[in-house]
């Protein structure tokens, strides 16, 4: 019986480790996506500022 319990606990531990690995992978994927979106957002903000400057320059003429 004790041996069966040990096997069961090993299976539980393996399952939990597998789930943790998946969770870590998922978290890393979301973190990478968030970083990408942040960079894209910054680029778009810069483009918007540049367009505003161009517009202001044209209106001043």
PDB file of N, CA and C in Angstrom:
ATOM      1  N   UNK A   1       0.828  -1.202   0.000  1.00  0.00           N
ATOM      2  CA  UNK A   1       0.000   0.000   0.000  1.00  0.00           C
ATOM      3  C   UNK A   1       0.868   1.261   0.000  1.00  0.00           C
ATOM      4  N   UNK A   2       1.923   1.246   0.811  1.00  0.00           N
ATOM      5  CA  UNK A   2       2.794   2.415   0.895  1.00  0.00           C
ATOM      6  C   UNK A   2       3.438   2.704  -0.461  1.00  0.00           C
ATOM      7  N   UNK A   3       3.818   1.641  -1.166  1.00  0.00           N
ATOM      8  CA  UNK A   3       4.423   1.798  -2.484  1.00  0.00           C
ATOM      9  C   UNK A   3       3.438   2.431  -3.467  1.00  0.00           C
ATOM     10  N   UNK A   4       2.180   2.035  -3.373  1.00  0.00           N
ATOM     11  CA  UNK A   4       1.142   2.602  -4.235  1.00  0.00           C
ATOM     12  C   UNK A   4       0.959   4.083  -3.950  1.00  0.00           C
ATOM     13  N   UNK A   5       0.983   4.438  -2.678  1.00  0.00           N
ATOM     14  CA  UNK A   5       0.861   5.854  -2.307  1.00  0.00           C
ATOM     15  C   UNK A   5       2.022   6.673  -2.859  1.00  0.00           C
ATOM     16  N   UNK A   6       3.224   6.089  -2.799  1.00  0.00           N
ATOM     17  CA  UNK A   6       4.401   6.786  -3.329  1.00  0.00           C
ATOM     18  C   UNK A   6       4.269   7.006  -4.833  1.00  0.00           C
ATOM     19  N   UNK A   7       3.791   5.982  -5.529  1.00  0.00           N
ATOM     20  CA  UNK A   7       3.599   6.105  -6.976  1.00  0.00           C
ATOM     21  C   UNK A   7       2.550   7.175  -7.265  1.00  0.00           C
ATOM     22  N   UNK A   8       1.454   7.141  -6.519  1.00  0.00           N
ATOM     23  CA  UNK A   8       0.404   8.141  -6.706  1.00  0.00           C
ATOM     24  C   UNK A   8       0.937   9.554  -6.465  1.00  0.00           C
ATOM     25  N   UNK A   9       1.733   9.711  -5.424  1.00  0.00           N
ATOM     26  CA  UNK A   9       2.282  11.036  -5.114  1.00  0.00           C
ATOM     27  C   UNK A   9       3.261  11.475  -6.204  1.00  0.00           C
ATOM     28  N   UNK A  10       4.020  10.520  -6.741  1.00  0.00           N
ATOM     29  CA  UNK A  10       4.928  10.857  -7.840  1.00  0.00           C
ATOM     30  C   UNK A  10       4.144  11.322  -9.064  1.00  0.00           C
ATOM     31  N   UNK A  11       3.039  10.648  -9.344  1.00  0.00           N
ATOM     32  CA  UNK A  11       2.200  11.052 -10.474  1.00  0.00           C
ATOM     33  C   UNK A  11       1.602  12.438 -10.242  1.00  0.00           C
ATOM     34  N   UNK A  12       1.176  12.688  -9.017  1.00  0.00           N
ATOM     35  CA  UNK A  12       0.638  14.009  -8.676  1.00  0.00           C
ATOM     36  C   UNK A  12       1.723  15.069  -8.854  1.00  0.00           C
ATOM     37  N   UNK A  13       2.920  14.776  -8.353  1.00  0.00           N
ATOM     38  CA  UNK A  13       4.024  15.732  -8.467  1.00  0.00           C
ATOM     39  C   UNK A  13       4.367  15.983  -9.933  1.00  0.00           C
ATOM     40  N   UNK A  14       4.406  14.924 -10.736  1.00  0.00           N
ATOM     41  CA  UNK A  14       4.699  15.082 -12.166  1.00  0.00           C
ATOM     42  C   UNK A  14       3.633  15.930 -12.853  1.00  0.00           C
ATOM     43  N   UNK A  15       2.393  15.661 -12.511  1.00  0.00           N
ATOM     44  CA  UNK A  15       1.288  16.413 -13.108  1.00  0.00           C
ATOM     45  C   UNK A  15       1.366  17.890 -12.731  1.00  0.00           C
ATOM     46  N   UNK A  16       1.650  18.160 -11.463  1.00  0.00           N
ATOM     47  CA  UNK A  16       1.759  19.551 -11.012  1.00  0.00           C
ATOM     48  C   UNK A  16       2.942  20.257 -11.672  1.00  0.00           C
ATOM     49  N   UNK A  17       4.052  19.543 -11.810  1.00  0.00           N
ATOM     50  CA  UNK A  17       5.218  20.127 -12.476  1.00  0.00           C
ATOM     51  C   UNK A  17       4.912  20.449 -13.931  1.00  0.00           C
ATOM     52  N   UNK A  18       4.193  19.545 -14.575  1.00  0.00           N
ATOM     53  CA  UNK A  18       3.820  19.770 -15.970  1.00  0.00           C
ATOM     54  C   UNK A  18       2.906  20.993 -16.097  1.00  0.00           C
ATOM     55  N   UNK A  19       1.943  21.091 -15.188  1.00  0.00           N
ATOM     56  CA  UNK A  19       1.036  22.240 -15.214  1.00  0.00           C
ATOM     57  C   UNK A  19       1.794  23.538 -14.934  1.00  0.00           C
ATOM     58  N   UNK A  20       2.755  23.476 -14.033  1.00  0.00           N
ATOM     59  CA  UNK A  20       3.562  24.655 -13.718  1.00  0.00           C
ATOM     60  C   UNK A  20       4.391  25.081 -14.927  1.00  0.00           C
ATOM     61  N   UNK A  21       4.952  24.111 -15.633  1.00  0.00           N
ATOM     62  CA  UNK A  21       5.727  24.428 -16.833  1.00  0.00           C
ATOM     63  C   UNK A  21       4.844  25.098 -17.888  1.00  0.00           C
ATOM     64  N   UNK A  22       3.645  24.587 -18.059  1.00  0.00           N
ATOM     65  CA  UNK A  22       2.712  25.188 -19.018  1.00  0.00           C
ATOM     66  C   UNK A  22       2.355  26.609 -18.579  1.00  0.00           C
ATOM     67  N   UNK A  23       2.095  26.785 -17.289  1.00  0.00           N
ATOM     68  CA  UNK A  23       1.745  28.113 -16.770  1.00  0.00           C
ATOM     69  C   UNK A  23       2.904  29.090 -16.965  1.00  0.00           C
ATOM     70  N   UNK A  24       4.126  28.634 -16.722  1.00  0.00           N
ATOM     71  CA  UNK A  24       5.298  29.496 -16.906  1.00  0.00           C
ATOM     72  C   UNK A  24       5.474  29.873 -18.372  1.00  0.00           C
ATOM     73  N   UNK A  25       5.258  28.902 -19.252  1.00  0.00           N
ATOM     74  CA  UNK A  25       5.357  29.169 -20.690  1.00  0.00           C
ATOM     75  C   UNK A  25       4.298  30.189 -21.111  1.00  0.00           C
ATOM     76  N   UNK A  26       3.086  29.988 -20.622  1.00  0.00           N
ATOM     77  CA  UNK A  26       1.987  30.900 -20.951  1.00  0.00           C
ATOM     78  C   UNK A  26       2.290  32.309 -20.448  1.00  0.00           C
ATOM     79  N   UNK A  27       2.784  32.400 -19.220  1.00  0.00           N
ATOM     80  CA  UNK A  27       3.125  33.709 -18.648  1.00  0.00           C
ATOM     81  C   UNK A  27       4.222  34.386 -19.467  1.00  0.00           C
ATOM     82  N   UNK A  28       5.225  33.617 -19.868  1.00  0.00           N
ATOM     83  CA  UNK A  28       6.313  34.188 -20.668  1.00  0.00           C
ATOM     84  C   UNK A  28       5.794  34.663 -22.022  1.00  0.00           C
ATOM     85  N   UNK A  29       4.874  33.906 -22.595  1.00  0.00           N
ATOM     86  CA  UNK A  29       4.288  34.299 -23.885  1.00  0.00           C
ATOM     87  C   UNK A  29       3.517  35.607 -23.758  1.00  0.00           C
ATOM     88  N   UNK A  30       2.715  35.721 -22.709  1.00  0.00           N
ATOM     89  CA  UNK A  30       1.939  36.953 -22.497  1.00  0.00           C
ATOM     90  C   UNK A  30       2.860  38.128 -22.210  1.00  0.00           C
ATOM     91  N   UNK A  31       3.934  37.870 -21.476  1.00  0.00           N
ATOM     92  CA  UNK A  31       4.882  38.942 -21.170  1.00  0.00           C
ATOM     93  C   UNK A  31       5.554  39.444 -22.449  1.00  0.00           C
ATOM     94  N   UNK A  32       5.913  38.501 -23.322  1.00  0.00           N
ATOM     95  CA  UNK A  32       6.525  38.887 -24.593  1.00  0.00           C
ATOM     96  C   UNK A  32       5.540  39.680 -25.442  1.00  0.00           C
ATOM     97  N   UNK A  33       4.294  39.246 -25.463  1.00  0.00           N
ATOM     98  CA  UNK A  33       3.266  39.957 -26.236  1.00  0.00           C
ATOM     99  C   UNK A  33       3.049  41.359 -25.664  1.00  0.00           C
ATOM    100  N   UNK A  34       3.028  41.473 -24.341  1.00  0.00           N
ATOM    101  CA  UNK A  34       2.850  42.781 -23.704  1.00  0.00           C
ATOM    102  C   UNK A  34       4.003  43.713 -24.066  1.00  0.00           C
ATOM    103  N   UNK A  35       5.208  43.193 -24.074  1.00  0.00           N
ATOM    104  CA  UNK A  35       6.378  43.993 -24.442  1.00  0.00           C
ATOM    105  C   UNK A  35       6.266  44.459 -25.891  1.00  0.00           C
ATOM    106  N   UNK A  36       5.853  43.542 -26.754  1.00  0.00           N
ATOM    107  CA  UNK A  36       5.678  43.883 -28.168  1.00  0.00           C
ATOM    108  C   UNK A  36       4.628  44.985 -28.332  1.00  0.00           C
ATOM    109  N   UNK A  37       3.507  44.835 -27.647  1.00  0.00           N
ATOM    110  CA  UNK A  37       2.441  45.840 -27.749  1.00  0.00           C
ATOM    111  C   UNK A  37       2.886  47.188 -27.188  1.00  0.00           C
ATOM    112  N   UNK A  38       3.668  47.145 -26.133  1.00  0.00           N
ATOM    113  CA  UNK A  38       4.185  48.386 -25.549  1.00  0.00           C
ATOM    114  C   UNK A  38       5.096  49.109 -26.544  1.00  0.00           C
ATOM    115  N   UNK A  39       5.943  48.341 -27.225  1.00  0.00           N
ATOM    116  CA  UNK A  39       6.832  48.937 -28.225  1.00  0.00           C
ATOM    117  C   UNK A  39       6.033  49.512 -29.397  1.00  0.00           C
ATOM    118  N   UNK A  40       5.028  48.755 -29.850  1.00  0.00           N
ATOM    119  CA  UNK A  40       4.181  49.245 -30.937  1.00  0.00           C
ATOM    120  C   UNK A  40       3.447  50.519 -30.515  1.00  0.00           C
ATOM    121  N   UNK A  41       2.975  50.536 -29.288  1.00  0.00           N
ATOM    122  CA  UNK A  41       2.274  51.710 -28.768  1.00  0.00           C
ATOM    123  C   UNK A  41       3.193  52.932 -28.762  1.00  0.00           C
ATOM    124  N   UNK A  42       4.423  52.734 -28.325  1.00  0.00           N
ATOM    125  CA  UNK A  42       5.381  53.839 -28.304  1.00  0.00           C
ATOM    126  C   UNK A  42       5.675  54.349 -29.713  1.00  0.00           C
ATOM    127  N   UNK A  43       5.788  53.406 -30.663  1.00  0.00           N
ATOM    128  CA  UNK A  43       6.025  53.816 -32.053  1.00  0.00           C
ATOM    129  C   UNK A  43       4.842  54.623 -32.585  1.00  0.00           C
ATOM    130  N   UNK A  44       3.645  54.158 -32.291  1.00  0.00           N
ATOM    131  CA  UNK A  44       2.450  54.869 -32.759  1.00  0.00           C
ATOM    132  C   UNK A  44       2.338  56.251 -32.120  1.00  0.00           C
ATOM    133  N   UNK A  45       2.703  56.343 -30.848  1.00  0.00           N
ATOM    134  CA  UNK A  45       2.688  57.651 -30.183  1.00  0.00           C
ATOM    135  C   UNK A  45       3.668  58.604 -30.861  1.00  0.00           C
ATOM    136  N   UNK A  46       4.841  58.087 -31.194  1.00  0.00           N
ATOM    137  CA  UNK A  46       5.842  58.915 -31.870  1.00  0.00           C
ATOM    138  C   UNK A  46       5.339  59.362 -33.234  1.00  0.00           C
ATOM    139  N   UNK A  47       4.727  58.435 -33.962  1.00  0.00           N
ATOM    140  CA  UNK A  47       4.184  58.782 -35.278  1.00  0.00           C
ATOM    141  C   UNK A  47       3.084  59.828 -35.151  1.00  0.00           C
ATOM    142  N   UNK A  48       2.244  59.675 -34.149  1.00  0.00           N
ATOM    143  CA  UNK A  48       1.162  60.634 -33.929  1.00  0.00           C
ATOM    144  C   UNK A  48       1.723  62.018 -33.622  1.00  0.00           C
ATOM    145  N   UNK A  49       2.735  62.079 -32.768  1.00  0.00           N
ATOM    146  CA  UNK A  49       3.360  63.361 -32.436  1.00  0.00           C
ATOM    147  C   UNK A  49       3.968  64.000 -33.679  1.00  0.00           C
ATOM    148  N   UNK A  50       4.609  63.175 -34.499  1.00  0.00           N
ATOM    149  CA  UNK A  50       5.218  63.691 -35.728  1.00  0.00           C
ATOM    150  C   UNK A  50       4.147  64.245 -36.669  1.00  0.00           C
ATOM    151  N   UNK A  51       3.047  63.526 -36.793  1.00  0.00           N
ATOM    152  CA  UNK A  51       1.947  63.997 -37.646  1.00  0.00           C
ATOM    153  C   UNK A  51       1.339  65.289 -37.108  1.00  0.00           C
ATOM    154  N   UNK A  52       1.233  65.391 -35.790  1.00  0.00           N
ATOM    155  CA  UNK A  52       0.716  66.626 -35.187  1.00  0.00           C
ATOM    156  C   UNK A  52       1.634  67.802 -35.502  1.00  0.00           C
ATOM    157  N   UNK A  53       2.954  67.562 -35.418  1.00  0.00           N
ATOM    158  CA  UNK A  53       3.921  68.626 -35.723  1.00  0.00           C
ATOM    159  C   UNK A  53       3.802  69.052 -37.182  1.00  0.00           C
ATOM    160  N   UNK A  54       3.665  68.059 -38.068  1.00  0.00           N
ATOM    161  CA  UNK A  54       3.526  68.370 -39.497  1.00  0.00           C
ATOM    162  C   UNK A  54       2.253  69.173 -39.745  1.00  0.00           C
ATOM    163  N   UNK A  55       1.182  68.771 -39.101  1.00  0.00           N
ATOM    164  CA  UNK A  55      -0.107  69.459 -39.258  1.00  0.00           C
ATOM    165  C   UNK A  55      -0.004  70.893 -38.745  1.00  0.00           C
ATOM    166  N   UNK A  56       0.597  71.049 -37.567  1.00  0.00           N
ATOM    167  CA  UNK A  56       0.762  72.390 -36.992  1.00  0.00           C
ATOM    168  C   UNK A  56       1.625  73.261 -37.904  1.00  0.00           C
ATOM    169  N   UNK A  57       2.637  72.661 -38.504  1.00  0.00           N
ATOM    170  CA  UNK A  57       3.509  73.399 -39.416  1.00  0.00           C
ATOM    171  C   UNK A  57       2.769  73.853 -40.652  1.00  0.00           C
ATOM    172  N   UNK A  58       1.908  73.021 -41.184  1.00  0.00           N
ATOM    173  CA  UNK A  58       1.140  73.380 -42.378  1.00  0.00           C
ATOM    174  C   UNK A  58       0.108  74.452 -42.064  1.00  0.00           C
ATOM    175  N   UNK A  59      -0.496  74.372 -40.886  1.00  0.00           N
ATOM    176  CA  UNK A  59      -1.514  75.356 -40.501  1.00  0.00           C
ATOM    177  C   UNK A  59      -0.891  76.726 -40.255  1.00  0.00           C
ATOM    178  N   UNK A  60       0.366  76.750 -39.839  1.00  0.00           N
ATOM    179  CA  UNK A  60       1.034  78.017 -39.546  1.00  0.00           C
ATOM    180  C   UNK A  60       1.374  78.772 -40.826  1.00  0.00           C
ATOM    181  N   UNK A  61       1.457  78.074 -41.948  1.00  0.00           N
ATOM    182  CA  UNK A  61       1.847  78.726 -43.212  1.00  0.00           C
ATOM    183  C   UNK A  61       0.729  79.506 -43.823  1.00  0.00           C
TER     184      UNK A  61
END
